[in-house]
Protein backbone atom coordinates (compact mmCIF):
# COMPACT_ATOMS: atom_id res chain seq x y z
CA MET A 1 -13.84 34.62 73.69
CA PRO A 2 -16.47 33.49 71.10
CA GLU A 3 -17.78 29.86 71.19
CA LEU A 4 -16.05 27.69 68.82
CA ASP A 5 -18.17 25.87 66.30
CA PRO A 6 -17.20 22.27 66.09
CA LEU A 7 -19.14 21.75 62.76
CA LEU A 8 -17.18 24.40 60.98
CA LEU A 9 -13.97 23.36 62.48
CA SER A 10 -14.84 19.59 61.49
CA ARG A 11 -15.53 20.64 58.14
CA LEU A 12 -12.30 22.78 57.91
CA GLN A 13 -10.25 19.82 59.29
CA PHE A 14 -11.62 17.14 56.83
CA ALA A 15 -11.16 19.62 53.94
CA PHE A 16 -7.59 20.17 54.77
CA THR A 17 -6.79 16.48 55.29
CA ILE A 18 -8.70 15.46 52.21
CA SER A 19 -7.06 18.14 49.98
CA PHE A 20 -3.69 16.72 50.99
CA HIS A 21 -4.66 13.12 50.36
CA ILE A 22 -6.34 13.44 47.06
CA LEU A 23 -3.29 15.04 45.50
CA PHE A 24 -1.33 11.64 45.84
CA PRO A 25 -3.91 9.18 44.47
CA SER A 26 -4.59 11.69 41.56
CA PHE A 27 -0.93 11.29 40.80
CA THR A 28 -0.28 7.65 41.59
CA VAL A 29 -3.32 6.24 39.63
CA GLY A 30 -1.89 7.73 36.34
CA LEU A 31 1.68 7.24 37.18
CA ALA A 32 1.11 3.46 37.84
CA ALA A 33 -0.46 3.09 34.39
CA TRP A 34 2.51 5.04 32.92
CA LEU A 35 5.03 2.82 34.47
CA LEU A 36 3.19 -0.26 33.14
CA VAL A 37 3.40 1.16 29.52
CA LEU A 38 7.00 1.82 29.98
CA GLU A 39 7.81 -1.72 31.44
CA VAL A 40 5.78 -3.24 28.52
CA LEU A 41 7.80 -1.27 26.08
CA TRP A 42 11.09 -2.43 27.77
CA LEU A 43 9.83 -5.99 27.78
CA LYS A 44 8.87 -5.82 24.06
CA THR A 45 11.81 -3.90 22.62
CA GLY A 46 14.76 -4.48 25.06
CA LYS A 47 15.49 -0.81 24.84
CA ALA A 48 17.29 -0.09 28.37
CA ILE A 49 16.24 3.77 28.11
CA TYR A 50 12.47 2.74 28.89
CA PHE A 51 13.90 0.91 31.91
CA ASP A 52 15.91 3.83 32.91
CA ILE A 53 12.91 6.12 32.93
CA ALA A 54 10.73 3.53 34.69
CA ARG A 55 13.23 2.91 37.31
CA HIS A 56 13.63 6.68 38.03
CA TRP A 57 9.92 7.35 38.19
CA THR A 58 9.30 4.06 40.40
CA LYS A 59 11.15 5.99 43.25
CA ILE A 60 8.94 8.89 42.97
CA PHE A 61 5.82 6.63 42.71
CA ALA A 62 6.97 4.91 45.97
CA VAL A 63 7.22 8.09 47.88
CA SER A 64 3.87 9.53 46.61
CA PHE A 65 2.17 6.06 47.20
CA GLY A 66 3.49 6.01 50.81
CA MET A 67 2.38 9.61 51.49
CA GLY A 68 -1.17 8.64 49.94
CA VAL A 69 -1.52 5.74 52.24
CA VAL A 70 -0.71 7.63 55.43
CA SER A 71 -2.98 10.41 54.52
CA GLY A 72 -5.66 8.12 53.64
CA VAL A 73 -5.50 6.47 57.09
CA VAL A 74 -6.15 9.59 58.83
CA LEU A 75 -9.39 10.16 56.81
CA SER A 76 -10.64 6.79 58.06
CA TYR A 77 -10.03 7.85 61.63
CA GLU A 78 -11.73 11.10 61.17
CA PHE A 79 -15.26 9.35 60.22
CA GLY A 80 -15.02 8.21 63.94
CA THR A 81 -13.53 11.23 65.67
CA ASN A 82 -15.22 13.98 63.90
CA TRP A 83 -18.30 12.46 61.94
CA SER A 84 -19.45 9.75 64.37
CA GLU A 85 -23.19 10.40 63.51
CA LEU A 86 -22.46 9.75 59.78
CA SER A 87 -20.67 6.54 60.92
CA ARG A 88 -23.45 5.46 63.13
CA ARG A 89 -26.31 6.20 60.59
CA GLY A 90 -24.54 5.72 57.28
CA GLY A 91 -21.74 3.08 58.19
CA ASN A 92 -24.14 -0.02 57.14
CA VAL A 93 -23.53 1.45 53.63
CA ILE A 94 -20.33 3.36 53.44
CA GLY A 95 -18.38 0.96 55.70
CA PRO A 96 -18.62 -1.95 53.54
CA LEU A 97 -17.68 0.01 50.33
CA MET A 98 -14.53 1.24 52.06
CA SER A 99 -13.77 -2.33 53.45
CA TYR A 100 -13.92 -3.56 49.81
CA GLU A 101 -11.38 -1.13 48.92
CA VAL A 102 -8.94 -2.49 51.58
CA LEU A 103 -9.70 -6.10 50.75
CA THR A 104 -9.34 -5.90 46.93
CA ALA A 105 -7.28 -2.89 46.04
CA PHE A 106 -4.92 -2.34 49.01
CA PHE A 107 -4.06 -5.90 49.47
CA LEU A 108 -3.50 -6.25 45.67
CA GLU A 109 -1.10 -3.38 45.77
CA ALA A 110 0.58 -4.29 48.96
CA GLY A 111 1.19 -7.87 47.63
CA PHE A 112 3.00 -6.86 44.38
CA LEU A 113 4.51 -3.42 45.49
CA GLY A 114 7.69 -5.06 46.92
CA ILE A 115 8.36 -6.91 43.60
CA MET A 116 7.78 -3.69 41.64
CA LEU A 117 10.09 -1.71 43.89
CA PHE A 118 12.98 -4.02 44.38
CA GLY A 119 12.55 -6.86 42.11
CA ALA A 120 13.71 -5.34 38.71
CA THR A 121 16.98 -7.08 38.75
CA ARG A 122 15.97 -10.05 40.95
CA VAL A 123 13.02 -11.55 39.04
CA PRO A 124 12.54 -12.19 35.35
CA LYS A 125 11.37 -9.15 33.28
CA ALA A 126 8.03 -10.63 32.58
CA VAL A 127 7.44 -11.13 36.33
CA HIS A 128 8.34 -7.56 37.17
CA VAL A 129 6.13 -6.22 34.43
CA PHE A 130 3.17 -8.47 35.84
CA ALA A 131 3.90 -7.00 39.37
CA THR A 132 3.68 -3.42 37.91
CA ALA A 133 0.42 -4.49 36.25
CA MET A 134 -1.09 -5.65 39.36
CA VAL A 135 -0.12 -2.48 41.25
CA ALA A 136 -1.59 -0.33 38.49
CA LEU A 137 -4.85 -2.28 38.54
CA GLY A 138 -4.89 -1.88 42.33
CA THR A 139 -4.60 1.82 42.01
CA ALA A 140 -7.67 1.71 39.54
CA ILE A 141 -9.77 -0.54 41.89
CA SER A 142 -9.07 1.61 44.77
CA ALA A 143 -10.42 4.66 42.95
CA PHE A 144 -13.51 2.69 41.98
CA TRP A 145 -14.36 1.90 45.55
CA ILE A 146 -13.76 5.18 47.00
CA LEU A 147 -15.51 6.88 43.94
CA SER A 148 -18.45 4.56 44.61
CA ALA A 149 -18.74 5.35 48.22
CA ASN A 150 -18.46 9.04 47.55
CA SER A 151 -20.86 9.11 44.67
CA TRP A 152 -23.41 7.26 46.68
CA MET A 153 -23.18 10.07 49.19
CA GLN A 154 -23.97 12.42 46.29
CA THR A 155 -26.84 10.42 44.65
CA PRO A 156 -27.99 7.84 47.19
CA THR A 157 -29.93 4.79 45.83
CA GLY A 158 -30.66 1.13 47.11
CA TYR A 159 -31.07 2.00 50.69
CA SER A 160 -33.79 2.21 53.30
CA VAL A 161 -34.11 4.24 56.51
CA ALA A 162 -34.92 2.53 59.79
CA ALA A 163 -37.01 4.05 62.56
CA ASP A 164 -33.97 5.14 64.30
CA GLY A 165 -32.60 7.01 61.44
CA VAL A 166 -30.00 4.24 60.56
CA LEU A 167 -29.48 3.54 56.84
CA HIS A 168 -29.42 0.05 55.45
CA ALA A 169 -28.51 -1.28 51.99
CA THR A 170 -31.41 -2.93 50.19
CA ASP A 171 -29.77 -3.41 46.84
CA TRP A 172 -25.97 -3.33 46.70
CA TRP A 173 -25.94 -3.12 42.86
CA GLN A 174 -27.90 0.20 43.10
CA VAL A 175 -25.61 1.48 45.89
CA ILE A 176 -22.34 0.68 44.04
CA LEU A 177 -23.52 1.73 40.63
CA ASN A 178 -25.44 4.77 41.81
CA PRO A 179 -26.66 7.26 39.19
CA SER A 180 -23.63 9.58 39.43
CA PHE A 181 -20.97 6.84 39.79
CA PRO A 182 -20.06 6.02 36.16
CA TYR A 183 -19.70 9.94 35.45
CA ARG A 184 -17.72 10.74 38.55
CA PHE A 185 -15.39 7.64 38.19
CA THR A 186 -14.55 8.28 34.57
CA HIS A 187 -14.12 12.13 35.24
CA MET A 188 -11.73 11.32 38.08
CA VAL A 189 -9.64 8.66 36.48
CA VAL A 190 -9.16 10.87 33.35
CA ALA A 191 -8.21 13.68 35.61
CA ALA A 192 -5.51 11.53 37.22
CA TYR A 193 -4.12 10.61 33.74
CA LEU A 194 -4.15 14.40 32.72
CA THR A 195 -2.55 15.38 36.00
CA THR A 196 0.34 12.72 35.75
CA ALA A 197 0.86 13.48 31.82
CA PHE A 198 1.19 17.22 32.64
CA ILE A 199 3.78 16.44 35.38
CA VAL A 200 5.65 13.92 33.30
CA GLY A 201 5.61 16.30 30.26
CA GLY A 202 6.72 19.35 32.30
CA ILE A 203 9.58 17.54 33.85
CA GLY A 204 10.64 16.20 30.45
CA ALA A 205 10.56 19.77 29.12
CA TRP A 206 12.61 20.71 32.18
CA TYR A 207 15.40 18.09 31.27
CA ILE A 208 15.44 19.31 27.71
CA LEU A 209 15.77 22.84 28.70
CA ARG A 210 18.63 21.95 31.11
CA GLU A 211 20.20 19.95 28.48
CA ARG A 212 20.46 16.92 30.91
CA SER A 213 18.96 13.63 30.40
CA VAL A 214 17.78 15.01 27.14
CA ALA A 215 16.93 11.61 25.45
CA HIS A 216 14.92 10.60 28.56
CA GLY A 217 13.15 13.91 28.58
CA ARG A 218 12.23 13.79 25.00
CA ILE A 219 10.48 10.33 25.41
CA MET A 220 8.69 11.80 28.57
CA LEU A 221 7.48 14.81 26.78
CA GLY A 222 6.54 12.75 23.66
CA MET A 223 4.63 10.12 25.60
CA ALA A 224 2.88 12.67 27.72
CA LEU A 225 1.78 14.77 24.59
CA SER A 226 0.61 11.77 22.81
CA LEU A 227 -1.79 11.19 25.71
CA LEU A 228 -2.83 14.76 26.29
CA VAL A 229 -3.62 15.59 22.65
CA TRP A 230 -6.81 13.30 22.89
CA LEU A 231 -7.41 12.94 26.49
CA ALA A 232 -7.86 16.72 27.28
CA PRO A 233 -10.62 17.16 24.68
CA LEU A 234 -12.24 13.86 25.85
CA GLN A 235 -12.51 15.25 29.48
CA VAL A 236 -14.77 18.06 28.08
CA VAL A 237 -17.22 15.45 26.69
CA ILE A 238 -17.11 13.49 30.02
CA GLY A 239 -17.69 16.66 31.98
CA ASP A 240 -20.57 17.64 29.94
CA LEU A 241 -22.26 14.21 30.41
CA HIS A 242 -21.35 14.61 34.01
CA GLY A 243 -23.06 17.94 34.27
CA LEU A 244 -26.21 16.66 32.49
CA ASN A 245 -26.32 13.99 35.27
CA THR A 246 -25.69 16.51 38.06
CA LEU A 247 -28.53 18.81 36.67
CA ARG A 248 -30.81 15.87 36.87
CA TYR A 249 -30.08 14.46 40.37
CA GLN A 250 -28.51 17.70 42.09
CA PRO A 251 -29.99 20.69 40.51
CA ALA A 252 -29.28 22.93 43.53
CA LYS A 253 -25.60 22.20 42.96
CA VAL A 254 -25.85 23.31 39.39
CA ALA A 255 -27.63 26.52 40.42
CA ALA A 256 -24.89 27.17 42.85
CA LEU A 257 -21.90 26.51 40.58
CA GLU A 258 -23.65 28.57 37.89
CA ALA A 259 -24.80 31.29 40.27
CA HIS A 260 -28.43 31.28 38.94
CA TRP A 261 -30.84 32.54 41.32
CA GLU A 262 -33.96 32.64 39.24
CA THR A 263 -35.56 29.60 37.52
CA GLY A 264 -36.10 30.30 33.84
CA ARG A 265 -35.56 29.41 30.18
CA GLU A 266 -32.73 30.83 27.86
CA VAL A 267 -30.76 31.54 30.80
CA PRO A 268 -27.13 33.21 30.34
CA LEU A 269 -23.75 31.74 30.66
CA ILE A 270 -22.24 33.64 33.66
CA LEU A 271 -18.54 34.05 32.81
CA PHE A 272 -17.99 36.21 35.98
CA ALA A 273 -19.77 37.29 38.95
CA VAL A 274 -19.50 37.89 42.62
CA PRO A 275 -22.44 35.76 44.10
CA ASN A 276 -24.40 37.70 46.98
CA PRO A 277 -26.32 35.13 48.87
CA LYS A 278 -27.69 37.85 51.33
CA ALA A 279 -29.15 39.84 48.43
CA GLU A 280 -29.81 36.65 46.40
CA THR A 281 -28.17 38.10 43.34
CA ASN A 282 -24.88 38.58 41.68
CA ASP A 283 -22.55 41.46 41.74
CA TYR A 284 -20.27 42.51 38.87
CA GLU A 285 -21.89 39.87 36.36
CA LEU A 286 -20.61 39.41 33.05
CA ALA A 287 -22.76 36.87 30.99
CA VAL A 288 -23.52 35.67 27.50
CA PRO A 289 -27.20 35.68 26.68
CA LYS A 290 -29.02 32.19 26.38
CA LEU A 291 -25.66 30.22 26.22
CA GLY A 292 -26.25 28.78 29.80
CA SER A 293 -29.41 26.98 28.73
CA LEU A 294 -27.65 25.39 25.55
CA ILE A 295 -24.60 24.17 27.64
CA LEU A 296 -26.67 22.93 30.84
CA THR A 297 -29.57 21.35 28.90
CA HIS A 298 -28.37 21.05 25.32
CA ASP A 299 -31.51 23.20 24.30
CA TRP A 300 -31.60 26.94 23.61
CA ASN A 301 -34.82 26.96 25.34
CA GLY A 302 -33.96 24.64 28.30
CA GLU A 303 -35.29 25.43 31.68
CA VAL A 304 -32.85 25.72 34.55
CA GLN A 305 -33.62 25.71 38.14
CA GLY A 306 -32.45 28.81 40.25
CA LEU A 307 -31.46 28.80 43.75
CA LYS A 308 -34.48 30.57 44.91
CA SER A 309 -36.66 27.57 43.90
CA PHE A 310 -35.03 25.89 46.83
CA PRO A 311 -35.69 26.63 50.56
CA PRO A 312 -32.87 28.72 52.06
CA GLU A 313 -31.68 25.92 54.34
CA ASP A 314 -31.40 23.55 51.45
CA ARG A 315 -29.19 25.72 49.32
CA PRO A 316 -25.47 25.37 49.04
CA ASN A 317 -23.48 28.76 49.31
CA PRO A 318 -22.67 29.50 45.91
CA ILE A 319 -19.25 31.50 46.29
CA ILE A 320 -16.93 28.47 46.66
CA PRO A 321 -18.64 26.27 44.01
CA PHE A 322 -18.91 29.15 41.51
CA PHE A 323 -15.17 30.09 41.55
CA ALA A 324 -13.83 26.54 41.94
CA PHE A 325 -15.91 25.41 39.02
CA ARG A 326 -14.34 28.04 36.89
CA ILE A 327 -10.93 27.43 37.94
CA MET A 328 -11.37 23.74 36.73
CA VAL A 329 -12.82 24.75 33.43
CA GLY A 330 -10.34 27.28 32.69
CA ILE A 331 -7.44 24.87 33.57
CA GLY A 332 -9.15 22.17 31.31
CA LEU A 333 -9.08 24.95 28.35
CA ILE A 334 -5.45 25.60 29.13
CA MET A 335 -4.70 22.05 28.76
CA ILE A 336 -6.40 21.68 25.45
CA VAL A 337 -4.64 24.77 24.16
CA LEU A 338 -1.11 23.60 25.12
CA SER A 339 -1.51 20.01 23.97
CA SER A 340 -2.91 21.35 20.55
CA ILE A 341 -0.11 23.71 20.24
CA GLY A 342 2.33 20.76 21.17
CA ALA A 343 0.84 18.58 18.52
CA VAL A 344 1.27 21.21 15.85
CA LEU A 345 4.91 21.85 16.78
CA TRP A 346 5.49 18.21 16.69
CA LEU A 347 4.12 17.83 13.15
CA MET A 348 6.29 20.96 12.26
CA GLY A 349 9.35 19.27 13.69
CA ARG A 350 9.86 21.96 16.26
CA LEU A 351 8.66 20.47 19.37
CA TYR A 352 12.03 20.06 21.08
CA SER A 353 13.48 23.34 19.80
CA SER A 354 10.68 25.69 20.85
CA ARG A 355 12.00 26.76 24.21
CA TRP A 356 9.11 29.03 24.90
CA PHE A 357 6.66 26.04 24.54
CA LEU A 358 8.94 23.89 26.63
CA GLN A 359 9.00 26.65 29.52
CA ALA A 360 5.25 27.11 29.16
CA LEU A 361 4.70 23.41 29.73
CA LEU A 362 7.06 23.40 32.63
CA TRP A 363 5.06 26.12 34.37
CA ALA A 364 1.80 24.58 33.45
CA SER A 365 2.70 21.17 34.90
CA PRO A 366 1.21 21.57 38.36
CA LEU A 367 -2.21 22.76 36.83
CA GLY A 368 -3.55 19.22 36.97
CA PHE A 369 -3.46 19.19 40.92
CA VAL A 370 -5.07 22.56 41.04
CA ALA A 371 -7.87 21.44 38.73
CA VAL A 372 -8.36 18.27 40.97
CA LEU A 373 -8.71 20.31 44.03
CA ALA A 374 -11.04 22.80 42.32
CA GLY A 375 -13.19 19.98 40.99
CA TRP A 376 -13.24 18.39 44.42
CA PHE A 377 -14.35 21.67 46.13
CA THR A 378 -17.08 21.99 43.60
CA ALA A 379 -18.44 18.68 44.14
CA GLU A 380 -18.27 18.68 47.91
CA VAL A 381 -19.19 22.18 48.85
CA GLY A 382 -21.88 22.09 46.10
CA ARG A 383 -23.72 19.40 47.87
CA GLN A 384 -24.04 21.16 51.13
CA PRO A 385 -25.89 21.25 53.34
CA TRP A 386 -26.24 17.51 52.95
CA VAL A 387 -23.46 14.84 53.67
CA VAL A 388 -25.84 12.25 52.06
CA TYR A 389 -27.71 14.13 49.52
CA GLY A 390 -31.34 14.87 50.57
CA VAL A 391 -31.07 12.22 53.40
CA LEU A 392 -28.59 13.28 56.22
CA ARG A 393 -27.39 16.81 56.81
CA THR A 394 -23.98 17.79 57.61
CA ALA A 395 -24.94 19.45 60.80
CA ASP A 396 -26.46 16.05 61.94
CA ALA A 397 -23.57 14.03 61.04
CA VAL A 398 -20.95 15.70 63.33
CA SER A 399 -19.61 14.37 66.41
CA PRO A 400 -20.78 15.70 69.84
CA VAL A 401 -17.28 17.01 70.63
CA PRO A 402 -16.19 20.52 71.83
CA GLY A 403 -14.81 22.95 69.32
CA GLY A 404 -11.81 23.59 71.27
CA SER A 405 -10.82 19.82 70.78
CA VAL A 406 -11.46 19.96 67.09
CA LEU A 407 -9.37 23.08 66.83
CA THR A 408 -6.45 21.54 68.77
CA SER A 409 -6.48 18.57 66.38
CA LEU A 410 -6.61 20.82 63.41
CA ILE A 411 -3.66 22.74 64.40
CA LEU A 412 -1.64 19.69 65.11
CA PHE A 413 -2.63 18.26 61.64
CA VAL A 414 -1.29 21.47 60.04
CA LEU A 415 2.05 21.30 61.85
CA VAL A 416 2.60 17.41 61.40
CA TYR A 417 1.50 17.62 57.73
CA GLY A 418 3.72 20.50 57.04
CA ILE A 419 6.71 18.67 58.39
CA VAL A 420 6.08 15.14 57.19
CA PHE A 421 4.68 15.85 53.86
CA GLY A 422 7.08 18.85 53.29
CA ALA A 423 9.86 16.40 53.72
CA GLY A 424 8.31 14.05 51.26
CA LEU A 425 7.75 16.59 48.64
CA TYR A 426 11.41 17.94 49.24
CA TYR A 427 12.71 14.34 48.63
CA ILE A 428 10.62 13.90 45.34
CA ALA A 429 12.06 17.13 44.36
CA LYS A 430 15.62 15.86 44.78
CA LEU A 431 14.73 12.71 42.82
CA VAL A 432 13.57 14.87 39.89
CA ARG A 433 16.60 16.99 39.99
CA ARG A 434 18.97 13.95 40.03
CA GLY A 435 17.25 12.71 36.74
CA PRO A 436 17.16 9.28 35.20
CA ASP A 437 20.86 9.43 34.16
CA GLU A 438 21.83 8.24 37.73
CA THR A 439 19.62 5.37 37.79
CA PRO A 440 21.05 1.80 37.80
CA ALA A 441 21.72 0.39 34.36
CA ALA A 442 19.20 -1.96 32.99
CA PRO A 443 19.80 -5.70 33.71
CA ASP A 444 19.97 -6.24 29.80
CA GLY A 445 18.80 -4.60 26.57
CA ASP A 446 19.92 -2.12 24.06
CA GLU A 447 21.24 1.27 25.24
CA ALA A 448 20.08 2.94 22.05
CA ASP A 449 19.51 6.65 22.02
CA LEU A 450 15.96 7.18 20.82
CA SER A 451 16.03 10.92 21.24
CA HIS A 452 15.89 11.67 17.58
CA ARG A 453 12.22 10.45 17.42
CA PRO A 454 10.70 10.04 20.98
CA ILE A 455 7.05 9.89 20.11
CA ALA A 456 7.49 7.33 17.24
CA ALA A 457 9.96 5.32 19.70
CA ALA A 458 7.20 5.29 22.37
CA GLY A 459 4.89 3.44 20.04
CA ASN A 460 6.82 1.84 17.46
CA PRO A 461 10.53 1.46 18.18
């Protein structure tokens, strides 16, 4: 029997657990903000339809939030069980950042979550709106600290290395606000909003197609589209700025995700290829001449480093980052196209009667999750072989445990996650199928049907 590699298995286990976990925060960050908007509209206008929608989606938020918390706790333990050397050598920097997330974001969310979930008919409307605002703020603060820690591992600054290899923070401002953090944080938060908007819009389209909860579905679709139409193009701009930052601080990652082997100017934009690390070339390459330099450096004659300019032991394997990056970018373009078509249909007065568009939006609704996963794999696999970029190698960060133990825990994780999260997703699907029509009535307010002008109703009732 071949010897089991604990490094490979530990990476697979962390990839599996983080892939489950990241789906829930990327949904709840955006969903909490949208619930706040709904409740502010309910408070301002007294229209009970906003309360009905918020009440319905609060249940979905509660289940998603719970699954996010549970899956996040598992990751914390993995730092000790699978990555003890990372904890020993980098814990002085990473540990406080993750503790700040618990002390600020998690406690804030936990303090007001009960009022948000159960207090709609028990506390004044303004108090309930305030509680929802605090939960939404908590999700944003949580993303702040987690992205700060992860970004520091990508672009470490403000630290020193002791004689025993342990890292110590010398400037916490540089640690927290490291060079890639503003771009990664903004990119991830916008991705969360896009993911939520596509889910809300797709489910709204589904209600319209089913001719059930139509008034609610139209408001969902209208509010989602009003966000998507400007946020999807904005994400392209943020992604471009993030790419320029990555080219400066992680040129090997950019070379991998673009599959450039040779350093040069006027490099092409490779649309498709099959990277061949052994031969240090690409197979079946399809490229646009010179466009790569313009996109990557904003200069037709800009120089881009190739993978061959880095020692083989310091290069990421380009296969996963190359394809993951193109999946992410492709989904971003689909989002822009769909939101633009939706805006045109709305201006023409045909948004809610164009069944082909409603069906397309329904099928596209999960794409935000796929884009988040693709982006995460682009970032994390692209920084290999480093766990702290340029400082600590992944191979030196793994725990000294037998491969068989890691394999056993990985199998157990797959089984338990399949059961627990499968049940959670099944319950969310039941809530969606039930629809907001079966939510309790609002404690007070106008029951007016706003379905005839939902986008306008969302902003100017």
